[in-house]
mmCIF file of all heavy atoms, coordinates in Angstrom:
data_MODEL
# 
_entry.id   MODEL 
# 
loop_
_atom_site.group_PDB 
_atom_site.id 
_atom_site.type_symbol 
_atom_site.label_atom_id 
_atom_site.label_alt_id 
_atom_site.label_comp_id 
_atom_site.label_asym_id 
_atom_site.label_entity_id 
_atom_site.label_seq_id 
_atom_site.pdbx_PDB_ins_code 
_atom_site.Cartn_x 
_atom_site.Cartn_y 
_atom_site.Cartn_z 
_atom_site.occupancy 
_atom_site.B_iso_or_equiv 
_atom_site.pdbx_formal_charge 
_atom_site.auth_seq_id 
_atom_site.auth_comp_id 
_atom_site.auth_asym_id 
_atom_site.auth_atom_id 
_atom_site.pdbx_PDB_model_num 
ATOM 1   N N   . GLY A 1 1  ? 118.741 -33.778 125.374 1.00 0.00 ? 1  GLY A N   1 
ATOM 2   C CA  . GLY A 1 1  ? 118.363 -34.217 124.093 1.00 0.00 ? 1  GLY A CA  1 
ATOM 3   C C   . GLY A 1 1  ? 118.563 -35.751 123.906 1.00 0.00 ? 1  GLY A C   1 
ATOM 4   O O   . GLY A 1 1  ? 118.075 -36.310 122.907 1.00 0.00 ? 1  GLY A O   1 
ATOM 5   N N   . GLY A 1 2  ? 119.228 -36.367 124.808 1.00 0.00 ? 2  GLY A N   1 
ATOM 6   C CA  . GLY A 1 2  ? 119.524 -37.767 124.724 1.00 0.00 ? 2  GLY A CA  1 
ATOM 7   C C   . GLY A 1 2  ? 118.410 -38.645 125.284 1.00 0.00 ? 2  GLY A C   1 
ATOM 8   O O   . GLY A 1 2  ? 117.333 -38.103 125.649 1.00 0.00 ? 2  GLY A O   1 
ATOM 9   N N   . SER A 1 3  ? 118.626 -39.875 125.337 1.00 0.00 ? 3  SER A N   1 
ATOM 10  C CA  . SER A 1 3  ? 117.592 -40.892 125.709 1.00 0.00 ? 3  SER A CA  1 
ATOM 11  C C   . SER A 1 3  ? 118.211 -41.861 126.809 1.00 0.00 ? 3  SER A C   1 
ATOM 12  O O   . SER A 1 3  ? 119.398 -42.163 126.777 1.00 0.00 ? 3  SER A O   1 
ATOM 13  C CB  . SER A 1 3  ? 117.116 -41.740 124.530 1.00 0.00 ? 3  SER A CB  1 
ATOM 14  O OG  . SER A 1 3  ? 116.480 -40.866 123.540 1.00 0.00 ? 3  SER A OG  1 
ATOM 15  N N   . LEU A 1 4  ? 117.308 -42.371 127.592 1.00 0.00 ? 4  LEU A N   1 
ATOM 16  C CA  . LEU A 1 4  ? 117.618 -43.407 128.542 1.00 0.00 ? 4  LEU A CA  1 
ATOM 17  C C   . LEU A 1 4  ? 116.363 -44.335 128.651 1.00 0.00 ? 4  LEU A C   1 
ATOM 18  O O   . LEU A 1 4  ? 115.264 -43.854 128.471 1.00 0.00 ? 4  LEU A O   1 
ATOM 19  C CB  . LEU A 1 4  ? 117.927 -42.810 129.941 1.00 0.00 ? 4  LEU A CB  1 
ATOM 20  C CG  . LEU A 1 4  ? 119.240 -42.302 130.229 1.00 0.00 ? 4  LEU A CG  1 
ATOM 21  C CD1 . LEU A 1 4  ? 119.296 -41.636 131.647 1.00 0.00 ? 4  LEU A CD1 1 
ATOM 22  C CD2 . LEU A 1 4  ? 120.318 -43.300 130.075 1.00 0.00 ? 4  LEU A CD2 1 
ATOM 23  N N   . ARG A 1 5  ? 116.639 -45.523 128.955 1.00 0.00 ? 5  ARG A N   1 
ATOM 24  C CA  . ARG A 1 5  ? 115.520 -46.521 129.205 1.00 0.00 ? 5  ARG A CA  1 
ATOM 25  C C   . ARG A 1 5  ? 115.689 -47.062 130.599 1.00 0.00 ? 5  ARG A C   1 
ATOM 26  O O   . ARG A 1 5  ? 116.718 -47.705 130.987 1.00 0.00 ? 5  ARG A O   1 
ATOM 27  C CB  . ARG A 1 5  ? 115.537 -47.634 128.180 1.00 0.00 ? 5  ARG A CB  1 
ATOM 28  C CG  . ARG A 1 5  ? 114.461 -48.629 128.319 1.00 0.00 ? 5  ARG A CG  1 
ATOM 29  C CD  . ARG A 1 5  ? 114.658 -49.725 127.212 1.00 0.00 ? 5  ARG A CD  1 
ATOM 30  N NE  . ARG A 1 5  ? 113.886 -50.883 127.389 1.00 0.00 ? 5  ARG A NE  1 
ATOM 31  C CZ  . ARG A 1 5  ? 112.578 -51.080 126.977 1.00 0.00 ? 5  ARG A CZ  1 
ATOM 32  N NH1 . ARG A 1 5  ? 111.946 -50.108 126.461 1.00 0.00 ? 5  ARG A NH1 1 
ATOM 33  N NH2 . ARG A 1 5  ? 111.956 -52.221 127.233 1.00 0.00 ? 5  ARG A NH2 1 
ATOM 34  N N   . LEU A 1 6  ? 114.630 -46.870 131.440 1.00 0.00 ? 6  LEU A N   1 
ATOM 35  C CA  . LEU A 1 6  ? 114.663 -47.436 132.792 1.00 0.00 ? 6  LEU A CA  1 
ATOM 36  C C   . LEU A 1 6  ? 113.881 -48.710 132.748 1.00 0.00 ? 6  LEU A C   1 
ATOM 37  O O   . LEU A 1 6  ? 112.866 -48.875 132.080 1.00 0.00 ? 6  LEU A O   1 
ATOM 38  C CB  . LEU A 1 6  ? 114.054 -46.428 133.730 1.00 0.00 ? 6  LEU A CB  1 
ATOM 39  C CG  . LEU A 1 6  ? 114.589 -45.041 133.863 1.00 0.00 ? 6  LEU A CG  1 
ATOM 40  C CD1 . LEU A 1 6  ? 113.889 -44.203 134.912 1.00 0.00 ? 6  LEU A CD1 1 
ATOM 41  C CD2 . LEU A 1 6  ? 116.113 -45.046 134.127 1.00 0.00 ? 6  LEU A CD2 1 
ATOM 42  N N   . SER A 1 7  ? 114.341 -49.655 133.590 1.00 0.00 ? 7  SER A N   1 
ATOM 43  C CA  . SER A 1 7  ? 113.708 -50.963 133.714 1.00 0.00 ? 7  SER A CA  1 
ATOM 44  C C   . SER A 1 7  ? 113.440 -51.213 135.197 1.00 0.00 ? 7  SER A C   1 
ATOM 45  O O   . SER A 1 7  ? 114.194 -50.739 136.079 1.00 0.00 ? 7  SER A O   1 
ATOM 46  C CB  . SER A 1 7  ? 114.613 -52.038 133.181 1.00 0.00 ? 7  SER A CB  1 
ATOM 47  O OG  . SER A 1 7  ? 114.823 -51.868 131.823 1.00 0.00 ? 7  SER A OG  1 
ATOM 48  N N   . CYS A 1 8  ? 112.326 -51.875 135.483 1.00 0.00 ? 8  CYS A N   1 
ATOM 49  C CA  . CYS A 1 8  ? 111.960 -52.233 136.798 1.00 0.00 ? 8  CYS A CA  1 
ATOM 50  C C   . CYS A 1 8  ? 111.520 -53.712 136.847 1.00 0.00 ? 8  CYS A C   1 
ATOM 51  O O   . CYS A 1 8  ? 110.554 -54.069 136.178 1.00 0.00 ? 8  CYS A O   1 
ATOM 52  C CB  . CYS A 1 8  ? 110.907 -51.390 137.339 1.00 0.00 ? 8  CYS A CB  1 
ATOM 53  S SG  . CYS A 1 8  ? 110.320 -51.851 139.017 1.00 0.00 ? 8  CYS A SG  1 
ATOM 54  N N   . ALA A 1 9  ? 112.250 -54.523 137.480 1.00 0.00 ? 9  ALA A N   1 
ATOM 55  C CA  . ALA A 1 9  ? 111.861 -55.954 137.615 1.00 0.00 ? 9  ALA A CA  1 
ATOM 56  C C   . ALA A 1 9  ? 111.064 -56.233 138.869 1.00 0.00 ? 9  ALA A C   1 
ATOM 57  O O   . ALA A 1 9  ? 111.490 -55.774 139.988 1.00 0.00 ? 9  ALA A O   1 
ATOM 58  C CB  . ALA A 1 9  ? 113.130 -56.822 137.633 1.00 0.00 ? 9  ALA A CB  1 
ATOM 59  N N   . ALA A 1 10 ? 109.879 -56.854 138.718 1.00 0.00 ? 10 ALA A N   1 
ATOM 60  C CA  . ALA A 1 10 ? 109.062 -57.080 139.807 1.00 0.00 ? 10 ALA A CA  1 
ATOM 61  C C   . ALA A 1 10 ? 109.046 -58.571 140.122 1.00 0.00 ? 10 ALA A C   1 
ATOM 62  O O   . ALA A 1 10 ? 109.014 -59.454 139.236 1.00 0.00 ? 10 ALA A O   1 
ATOM 63  C CB  . ALA A 1 10 ? 107.613 -56.624 139.584 1.00 0.00 ? 10 ALA A CB  1 
ATOM 64  N N   . SER A 1 11 ? 109.080 -58.930 141.401 1.00 0.00 ? 11 SER A N   1 
ATOM 65  C CA  . SER A 1 11 ? 108.924 -60.343 141.805 1.00 0.00 ? 11 SER A CA  1 
ATOM 66  C C   . SER A 1 11 ? 108.108 -60.422 143.075 1.00 0.00 ? 11 SER A C   1 
ATOM 67  O O   . SER A 1 11 ? 107.817 -59.401 143.769 1.00 0.00 ? 11 SER A O   1 
ATOM 68  C CB  . SER A 1 11 ? 110.355 -60.869 142.115 1.00 0.00 ? 11 SER A CB  1 
ATOM 69  O OG  . SER A 1 11 ? 111.005 -60.164 143.099 1.00 0.00 ? 11 SER A OG  1 
ATOM 70  N N   . GLY A 1 12 ? 107.673 -61.675 143.371 1.00 0.00 ? 12 GLY A N   1 
ATOM 71  C CA  . GLY A 1 12 ? 106.804 -61.814 144.487 1.00 0.00 ? 12 GLY A CA  1 
ATOM 72  C C   . GLY A 1 12 ? 105.375 -62.017 144.063 1.00 0.00 ? 12 GLY A C   1 
ATOM 73  O O   . GLY A 1 12 ? 105.097 -62.626 143.078 1.00 0.00 ? 12 GLY A O   1 
ATOM 74  N N   . SER A 1 13 ? 104.481 -61.333 144.711 1.00 0.00 ? 13 SER A N   1 
ATOM 75  C CA  . SER A 1 13 ? 103.055 -61.386 144.447 1.00 0.00 ? 13 SER A CA  1 
ATOM 76  C C   . SER A 1 13 ? 102.604 -60.562 143.286 1.00 0.00 ? 13 SER A C   1 
ATOM 77  O O   . SER A 1 13 ? 101.712 -59.697 143.365 1.00 0.00 ? 13 SER A O   1 
ATOM 78  C CB  . SER A 1 13 ? 102.212 -61.078 145.639 1.00 0.00 ? 13 SER A CB  1 
ATOM 79  O OG  . SER A 1 13 ? 102.556 -61.890 146.802 1.00 0.00 ? 13 SER A OG  1 
ATOM 80  N N   . ILE A 1 14 ? 103.264 -60.840 142.107 1.00 0.00 ? 14 ILE A N   1 
ATOM 81  C CA  . ILE A 1 14 ? 102.954 -59.924 140.949 1.00 0.00 ? 14 ILE A CA  1 
ATOM 82  C C   . ILE A 1 14 ? 101.526 -60.152 140.446 1.00 0.00 ? 14 ILE A C   1 
ATOM 83  O O   . ILE A 1 14 ? 100.948 -59.275 139.718 1.00 0.00 ? 14 ILE A O   1 
ATOM 84  C CB  . ILE A 1 14 ? 103.975 -60.140 139.813 1.00 0.00 ? 14 ILE A CB  1 
ATOM 85  C CG1 . ILE A 1 14 ? 103.999 -61.615 139.331 1.00 0.00 ? 14 ILE A CG1 1 
ATOM 86  C CG2 . ILE A 1 14 ? 105.354 -59.690 140.252 1.00 0.00 ? 14 ILE A CG2 1 
ATOM 87  C CD1 . ILE A 1 14 ? 104.846 -61.885 138.146 1.00 0.00 ? 14 ILE A CD1 1 
ATOM 88  N N   . PHE A 1 15 ? 100.875 -61.217 140.777 1.00 0.00 ? 15 PHE A N   1 
ATOM 89  C CA  . PHE A 1 15 ? 99.514  -61.479 140.306 1.00 0.00 ? 15 PHE A CA  1 
ATOM 90  C C   . PHE A 1 15 ? 98.517  -60.446 140.917 1.00 0.00 ? 15 PHE A C   1 
ATOM 91  O O   . PHE A 1 15 ? 97.483  -60.231 140.436 1.00 0.00 ? 15 PHE A O   1 
ATOM 92  C CB  . PHE A 1 15 ? 99.099  -62.871 140.742 1.00 0.00 ? 15 PHE A CB  1 
ATOM 93  C CG  . PHE A 1 15 ? 99.018  -63.082 142.271 1.00 0.00 ? 15 PHE A CG  1 
ATOM 94  C CD1 . PHE A 1 15 ? 97.963  -62.753 143.047 1.00 0.00 ? 15 PHE A CD1 1 
ATOM 95  C CD2 . PHE A 1 15 ? 100.160 -63.575 142.878 1.00 0.00 ? 15 PHE A CD2 1 
ATOM 96  C CE1 . PHE A 1 15 ? 97.965  -62.906 144.389 1.00 0.00 ? 15 PHE A CE1 1 
ATOM 97  C CE2 . PHE A 1 15 ? 100.237 -63.663 144.277 1.00 0.00 ? 15 PHE A CE2 1 
ATOM 98  C CZ  . PHE A 1 15 ? 99.097  -63.362 145.053 1.00 0.00 ? 15 PHE A CZ  1 
ATOM 99  N N   . SER A 1 16 ? 98.948  -59.847 142.016 1.00 0.00 ? 16 SER A N   1 
ATOM 100 C CA  . SER A 1 16 ? 98.097  -58.883 142.723 1.00 0.00 ? 16 SER A CA  1 
ATOM 101 C C   . SER A 1 16 ? 98.267  -57.464 142.253 1.00 0.00 ? 16 SER A C   1 
ATOM 102 O O   . SER A 1 16 ? 97.647  -56.549 142.739 1.00 0.00 ? 16 SER A O   1 
ATOM 103 C CB  . SER A 1 16 ? 98.417  -58.947 144.250 1.00 0.00 ? 16 SER A CB  1 
ATOM 104 O OG  . SER A 1 16 ? 99.698  -58.412 144.499 1.00 0.00 ? 16 SER A OG  1 
ATOM 105 N N   . ILE A 1 17 ? 99.200  -57.253 141.185 1.00 0.00 ? 17 ILE A N   1 
ATOM 106 C CA  . ILE A 1 17 ? 99.469  -55.876 140.810 1.00 0.00 ? 17 ILE A CA  1 
ATOM 107 C C   . ILE A 1 17 ? 98.305  -55.305 139.969 1.00 0.00 ? 17 ILE A C   1 
ATOM 108 O O   . ILE A 1 17 ? 97.731  -55.966 139.096 1.00 0.00 ? 17 ILE A O   1 
ATOM 109 C CB  . ILE A 1 17 ? 100.732 -55.864 139.948 1.00 0.00 ? 17 ILE A CB  1 
ATOM 110 C CG1 . ILE A 1 17 ? 101.916 -56.155 140.829 1.00 0.00 ? 17 ILE A CG1 1 
ATOM 111 C CG2 . ILE A 1 17 ? 100.965 -54.523 139.265 1.00 0.00 ? 17 ILE A CG2 1 
ATOM 112 C CD1 . ILE A 1 17 ? 103.254 -56.317 140.097 1.00 0.00 ? 17 ILE A CD1 1 
ATOM 113 N N   . ASN A 1 18 ? 97.969  -54.106 140.303 1.00 0.00 ? 18 ASN A N   1 
ATOM 114 C CA  . ASN A 1 18 ? 96.858  -53.389 139.514 1.00 0.00 ? 18 ASN A CA  1 
ATOM 115 C C   . ASN A 1 18 ? 97.461  -52.265 138.635 1.00 0.00 ? 18 ASN A C   1 
ATOM 116 O O   . ASN A 1 18 ? 97.016  -52.030 137.557 1.00 0.00 ? 18 ASN A O   1 
ATOM 117 C CB  . ASN A 1 18 ? 95.872  -52.758 140.488 1.00 0.00 ? 18 ASN A CB  1 
ATOM 118 C CG  . ASN A 1 18 ? 95.127  -53.750 141.237 1.00 0.00 ? 18 ASN A CG  1 
ATOM 119 O OD1 . ASN A 1 18 ? 94.619  -54.737 140.753 1.00 0.00 ? 18 ASN A OD1 1 
ATOM 120 N ND2 . ASN A 1 18 ? 95.105  -53.634 142.596 1.00 0.00 ? 18 ASN A ND2 1 
ATOM 121 N N   . VAL A 1 19 ? 98.463  -51.520 139.195 1.00 0.00 ? 19 VAL A N   1 
ATOM 122 C CA  . VAL A 1 19 ? 99.044  -50.396 138.447 1.00 0.00 ? 19 VAL A CA  1 
ATOM 123 C C   . VAL A 1 19 ? 100.563 -50.475 138.677 1.00 0.00 ? 19 VAL A C   1 
ATOM 124 O O   . VAL A 1 19 ? 101.074 -50.776 139.741 1.00 0.00 ? 19 VAL A O   1 
ATOM 125 C CB  . VAL A 1 19 ? 98.562  -49.042 138.970 1.00 0.00 ? 19 VAL A CB  1 
ATOM 126 C CG1 . VAL A 1 19 ? 99.110  -47.936 138.248 1.00 0.00 ? 19 VAL A CG1 1 
ATOM 127 C CG2 . VAL A 1 19 ? 96.998  -49.005 138.972 1.00 0.00 ? 19 VAL A CG2 1 
ATOM 128 N N   . MET A 1 20 ? 101.287 -50.184 137.596 1.00 0.00 ? 20 MET A N   1 
ATOM 129 C CA  . MET A 1 20 ? 102.733 -50.104 137.629 1.00 0.00 ? 20 MET A CA  1 
ATOM 130 C C   . MET A 1 20 ? 103.119 -48.737 137.132 1.00 0.00 ? 20 MET A C   1 
ATOM 131 O O   . MET A 1 20 ? 102.501 -48.271 136.111 1.00 0.00 ? 20 MET A O   1 
ATOM 132 C CB  . MET A 1 20 ? 103.372 -51.171 136.780 1.00 0.00 ? 20 MET A CB  1 
ATOM 133 C CG  . MET A 1 20 ? 102.970 -52.572 137.059 1.00 0.00 ? 20 MET A CG  1 
ATOM 134 S SD  . MET A 1 20 ? 103.722 -53.849 136.066 1.00 0.00 ? 20 MET A SD  1 
ATOM 135 C CE  . MET A 1 20 ? 105.305 -54.047 136.987 1.00 0.00 ? 20 MET A CE  1 
ATOM 136 N N   . GLY A 1 21 ? 104.067 -48.128 137.722 1.00 0.00 ? 21 GLY A N   1 
ATOM 137 C CA  . GLY A 1 21 ? 104.365 -46.791 137.320 1.00 0.00 ? 21 GLY A CA  1 
ATOM 138 C C   . GLY A 1 21 ? 105.768 -46.294 137.779 1.00 0.00 ? 21 GLY A C   1 
ATOM 139 O O   . GLY A 1 21 ? 106.547 -47.059 138.394 1.00 0.00 ? 21 GLY A O   1 
ATOM 140 N N   . TRP A 1 22 ? 106.068 -45.050 137.376 1.00 0.00 ? 22 TRP A N   1 
ATOM 141 C CA  . TRP A 1 22 ? 107.293 -44.427 137.684 1.00 0.00 ? 22 TRP A CA  1 
ATOM 142 C C   . TRP A 1 22 ? 106.975 -43.010 138.338 1.00 0.00 ? 22 TRP A C   1 
ATOM 143 O O   . TRP A 1 22 ? 106.118 -42.330 137.820 1.00 0.00 ? 22 TRP A O   1 
ATOM 144 C CB  . TRP A 1 22 ? 108.180 -44.209 136.442 1.00 0.00 ? 22 TRP A CB  1 
ATOM 145 C CG  . TRP A 1 22 ? 108.689 -45.475 135.863 1.00 0.00 ? 22 TRP A CG  1 
ATOM 146 C CD1 . TRP A 1 22 ? 108.067 -46.233 134.989 1.00 0.00 ? 22 TRP A CD1 1 
ATOM 147 C CD2 . TRP A 1 22 ? 109.884 -46.181 136.211 1.00 0.00 ? 22 TRP A CD2 1 
ATOM 148 N NE1 . TRP A 1 22 ? 108.832 -47.345 134.648 1.00 0.00 ? 22 TRP A NE1 1 
ATOM 149 C CE2 . TRP A 1 22 ? 109.948 -47.289 135.407 1.00 0.00 ? 22 TRP A CE2 1 
ATOM 150 C CE3 . TRP A 1 22 ? 110.901 -45.886 137.162 1.00 0.00 ? 22 TRP A CE3 1 
ATOM 151 C CZ2 . TRP A 1 22 ? 111.025 -48.189 135.537 1.00 0.00 ? 22 TRP A CZ2 1 
ATOM 152 C CZ3 . TRP A 1 22 ? 111.937 -46.741 137.178 1.00 0.00 ? 22 TRP A CZ3 1 
ATOM 153 C CH2 . TRP A 1 22 ? 112.052 -47.873 136.392 1.00 0.00 ? 22 TRP A CH2 1 
ATOM 154 N N   . HIS A 1 23 ? 107.680 -42.760 139.389 1.00 0.00 ? 23 HIS A N   1 
ATOM 155 C CA  . HIS A 1 23 ? 107.693 -41.535 139.955 1.00 0.00 ? 23 HIS A CA  1 
ATOM 156 C C   . HIS A 1 23 ? 109.125 -40.950 139.992 1.00 0.00 ? 23 HIS A C   1 
ATOM 157 O O   . HIS A 1 23 ? 110.051 -41.625 139.751 1.00 0.00 ? 23 HIS A O   1 
ATOM 158 C CB  . HIS A 1 23 ? 107.200 -41.530 141.440 1.00 0.00 ? 23 HIS A CB  1 
ATOM 159 C CG  . HIS A 1 23 ? 105.743 -41.873 141.606 1.00 0.00 ? 23 HIS A CG  1 
ATOM 160 N ND1 . HIS A 1 23 ? 105.162 -43.035 141.182 1.00 0.00 ? 23 HIS A ND1 1 
ATOM 161 C CD2 . HIS A 1 23 ? 104.772 -41.095 142.098 1.00 0.00 ? 23 HIS A CD2 1 
ATOM 162 C CE1 . HIS A 1 23 ? 103.881 -43.018 141.441 1.00 0.00 ? 23 HIS A CE1 1 
ATOM 163 N NE2 . HIS A 1 23 ? 103.606 -41.836 142.034 1.00 0.00 ? 23 HIS A NE2 1 
ATOM 164 N N   . ARG A 1 24 ? 109.250 -39.646 140.217 1.00 0.00 ? 24 ARG A N   1 
ATOM 165 C CA  . ARG A 1 24 ? 110.597 -39.078 140.388 1.00 0.00 ? 24 ARG A CA  1 
ATOM 166 C C   . ARG A 1 24 ? 110.601 -37.979 141.432 1.00 0.00 ? 24 ARG A C   1 
ATOM 167 O O   . ARG A 1 24 ? 109.595 -37.423 141.774 1.00 0.00 ? 24 ARG A O   1 
ATOM 168 C CB  . ARG A 1 24 ? 111.083 -38.479 139.042 1.00 0.00 ? 24 ARG A CB  1 
ATOM 169 C CG  . ARG A 1 24 ? 110.311 -37.314 138.550 1.00 0.00 ? 24 ARG A CG  1 
ATOM 170 C CD  . ARG A 1 24 ? 110.745 -36.826 137.183 1.00 0.00 ? 24 ARG A CD  1 
ATOM 171 N NE  . ARG A 1 24 ? 110.033 -35.661 136.677 1.00 0.00 ? 24 ARG A NE  1 
ATOM 172 C CZ  . ARG A 1 24 ? 110.171 -35.154 135.416 1.00 0.00 ? 24 ARG A CZ  1 
ATOM 173 N NH1 . ARG A 1 24 ? 110.947 -35.845 134.555 1.00 0.00 ? 24 ARG A NH1 1 
ATOM 174 N NH2 . ARG A 1 24 ? 109.477 -34.140 135.137 1.00 0.00 ? 24 ARG A NH2 1 
# 
């Protein structure tokens, strides 16, 4: 019932990114 916030910091060739996502 609680909450969490996940963060992901990206570095490097970020200009080339098309899709960002989360898997588990």
